[in-house]
Amino acid sequence: MKRTALLICACLLALPAIALAQEQDGMIELTPWWDRPIVRDLGLSQQQMKQVRMILRDSRDRLIQLRAAVNSADGALVDAMGEERIDADKAQASIDQVISARAELLRAVSHMSLKLRQVLTYSQWQELRKRSAKRVTAPAAKRQRNALGSPR
């Protein structure tokens, strides 16, 4: 349980960095990650900011591709589960694709998070984890509803 919570926190730490433009509630957010409330007032030095920007720049394109693959796999699963007559083989293949796509995204985010952690001090990391933990439950519940094809 503790390990899962740490992985979720690591993912949430990196999610704002996946791209400079993120869709949130149908709106494109163009705010740079370092200006967002979750990282504001962490006391990052200029050197830390430079290192973090480089890590994010190096990771951005791959993370965008992986996030698109997750969205595509999620959509295929919703479609498969929404059929009047469900094709179990098609649904199982969709489930496997979602699992694979999410695993690849988690792997990439975790590697990026490790690089970021190496830049941040222990206290900055702990504060960021604390702030990230507050954002865990609502997005996870929404993703689960969407994956099951439930109304919003």
Protein backbone atom coordinates (compact mmCIF):
# COMPACT_ATOMS: atom_id res chain seq x y z
CA MET A 1 0.00 0.00 0.00
CA LYS A 2 2.77 2.41 0.95
CA ARG A 3 4.68 1.58 -2.23
CA THR A 4 1.57 2.19 -4.34
CA ALA A 5 1.00 5.53 -2.64
CA LEU A 6 4.61 6.52 -3.37
CA LEU A 7 4.22 5.54 -7.04
CA ILE A 8 1.03 7.56 -7.28
CA CYS A 9 2.76 10.55 -5.70
CA ALA A 10 5.67 10.18 -8.11
CA CYS A 11 3.26 10.14 -11.02
CA LEU A 12 1.41 13.17 -9.75
CA LEU A 13 4.66 15.01 -9.28
CA ALA A 14 5.54 14.47 -12.90
CA LEU A 15 2.12 14.83 -14.50
CA PRO A 16 2.20 18.63 -14.54
CA ALA A 17 5.45 18.31 -16.41
CA ILE A 18 4.23 15.99 -19.14
CA ALA A 19 3.69 18.96 -21.41
CA LEU A 20 3.44 22.69 -21.13
CA ALA A 21 -0.06 22.51 -22.56
CA GLN A 22 -2.42 20.20 -20.70
CA GLU A 23 -6.13 19.80 -21.12
CA GLN A 24 -8.08 20.26 -17.92
CA ASP A 25 -11.87 20.22 -17.95
CA GLY A 26 -11.85 20.91 -21.69
CA MET A 27 -9.54 23.91 -21.43
CA ILE A 28 -5.91 23.99 -22.53
CA GLU A 29 -3.67 25.05 -19.67
CA LEU A 30 -0.58 26.92 -20.82
CA THR A 31 0.83 27.69 -17.40
CA PRO A 32 4.41 26.48 -17.00
CA TRP A 33 4.72 23.80 -14.32
CA TRP A 34 6.92 25.99 -12.13
CA ASP A 35 4.18 28.64 -11.86
CA ARG A 36 1.53 26.19 -10.70
CA PRO A 37 0.43 26.22 -7.07
CA ILE A 38 1.69 22.69 -6.45
CA VAL A 39 5.33 23.75 -6.91
CA ARG A 40 5.13 27.42 -6.00
CA ASP A 41 7.04 28.42 -2.88
CA LEU A 42 9.21 25.30 -2.81
CA GLY A 43 12.27 27.53 -2.79
CA LEU A 44 13.88 26.18 -5.96
CA SER A 45 17.24 27.75 -6.72
CA GLN A 46 18.07 29.03 -10.18
CA GLN A 47 20.31 25.99 -10.71
CA GLN A 48 17.50 23.64 -9.67
CA MET A 49 15.09 25.41 -12.02
CA LYS A 50 17.60 25.03 -14.87
CA GLN A 51 18.11 21.32 -14.15
CA VAL A 52 14.40 20.65 -13.80
CA ARG A 53 13.63 22.46 -17.04
CA MET A 54 16.24 20.36 -18.83
CA ILE A 55 14.79 17.11 -17.41
CA LEU A 56 11.29 18.14 -18.45
CA ARG A 57 12.39 19.24 -21.91
CA ASP A 58 14.20 15.94 -22.43
CA SER A 59 11.13 13.95 -21.29
CA ARG A 60 8.29 15.98 -22.77
CA ASP A 61 7.88 14.48 -26.25
CA ARG A 62 8.05 10.88 -25.04
CA LEU A 63 5.55 11.56 -22.24
CA ILE A 64 3.15 13.25 -24.65
CA GLN A 65 3.30 10.20 -26.94
CA LEU A 66 2.77 7.81 -24.04
CA ARG A 67 -0.15 9.84 -22.68
CA ALA A 68 -1.75 9.77 -26.15
CA ALA A 69 -1.30 5.98 -26.22
CA VAL A 70 -3.04 5.71 -22.83
CA ASN A 71 -5.91 7.90 -24.04
CA SER A 72 -6.26 5.82 -27.19
CA ALA A 73 -6.24 2.56 -25.24
CA ASP A 74 -8.77 3.95 -22.74
CA GLY A 75 -11.03 4.97 -25.62
CA ALA A 76 -10.82 1.52 -27.20
CA LEU A 77 -11.73 -0.04 -23.86
CA VAL A 78 -14.71 2.26 -23.40
CA ASP A 79 -15.86 1.40 -26.92
CA ALA A 80 -15.41 -2.33 -26.35
CA MET A 81 -17.30 -2.23 -23.06
CA GLY A 82 -20.07 -0.07 -24.55
CA GLU A 83 -21.09 -2.52 -27.26
CA GLU A 84 -24.58 -3.99 -27.05
CA ARG A 85 -23.09 -7.46 -27.54
CA ILE A 86 -19.69 -7.50 -25.93
CA ASP A 87 -16.90 -9.32 -27.73
CA ALA A 88 -14.92 -10.78 -24.82
CA ASP A 89 -11.75 -11.24 -26.91
CA LYS A 90 -11.87 -7.65 -28.13
CA ALA A 91 -12.54 -6.37 -24.61
CA GLN A 92 -9.68 -8.46 -23.18
CA ALA A 93 -7.32 -7.17 -25.86
CA SER A 94 -8.40 -3.62 -24.98
CA ILE A 95 -7.81 -4.27 -21.30
CA ASP A 96 -4.34 -5.64 -22.04
CA GLN A 97 -3.56 -2.58 -24.20
CA VAL A 98 -4.66 -0.20 -21.42
CA ILE A 99 -2.48 -2.05 -18.93
CA SER A 100 0.49 -1.98 -21.27
CA ALA A 101 0.08 1.70 -22.19
CA ARG A 102 -0.30 2.75 -18.56
CA ALA A 103 2.71 0.67 -17.54
CA GLU A 104 4.87 2.37 -20.17
CA LEU A 105 3.68 5.80 -19.06
CA LEU A 106 4.26 4.93 -15.40
CA ARG A 107 7.77 3.69 -16.23
CA ALA A 108 8.65 6.90 -18.09
CA VAL A 109 7.13 9.13 -15.41
CA SER A 110 8.92 7.20 -12.67
CA HIS A 111 12.28 7.56 -14.43
CA MET A 112 11.67 11.27 -14.86
CA SER A 113 10.58 11.55 -11.22
CA LEU A 114 13.81 9.91 -10.12
CA LYS A 115 15.78 12.47 -12.10
CA LEU A 116 13.72 15.27 -10.56
CA ARG A 117 14.17 13.83 -7.07
CA GLN A 118 17.93 13.92 -7.56
CA VAL A 119 17.66 17.67 -8.15
CA LEU A 120 15.35 18.52 -5.24
CA THR A 121 16.37 18.60 -1.61
CA TYR A 122 14.75 16.15 0.79
CA SER A 123 12.53 18.86 2.29
CA GLN A 124 11.46 20.14 -1.16
CA TRP A 125 10.62 16.58 -2.20
CA GLN A 126 8.63 15.92 0.98
CA GLU A 127 6.68 19.15 0.57
CA LEU A 128 5.96 18.35 -3.08
CA ARG A 129 4.77 14.84 -2.12
CA LYS A 130 2.51 16.34 0.54
CA ARG A 131 0.98 18.76 -1.97
CA SER A 132 0.66 16.03 -4.62
CA ALA A 133 -1.14 13.66 -2.25
CA LYS A 134 -4.03 16.12 -2.02
CA ARG A 135 -4.56 15.76 -5.78
CA VAL A 136 -4.67 11.94 -5.89
CA THR A 137 -8.24 10.90 -5.16
CA ALA A 138 -10.41 13.01 -7.48
CA PRO A 139 -8.49 12.40 -10.74
CA ALA A 140 -8.24 8.66 -10.02
CA ALA A 141 -11.98 8.35 -9.42
CA LYS A 142 -12.74 10.27 -12.62
CA ARG A 143 -10.40 8.04 -14.67
CA GLN A 144 -12.04 4.93 -13.25
CA ARG A 145 -15.54 6.20 -14.12
CA ASN A 146 -14.39 7.08 -17.64
CA ALA A 147 -12.74 3.69 -18.17
CA LEU A 148 -15.95 1.94 -17.21
CA GLY A 149 -18.00 4.16 -19.48
CA SER A 150 -20.00 5.57 -16.59
CA PRO A 151 -21.71 8.93 -16.87
CA ARG A 152 -19.70 11.85 -15.56
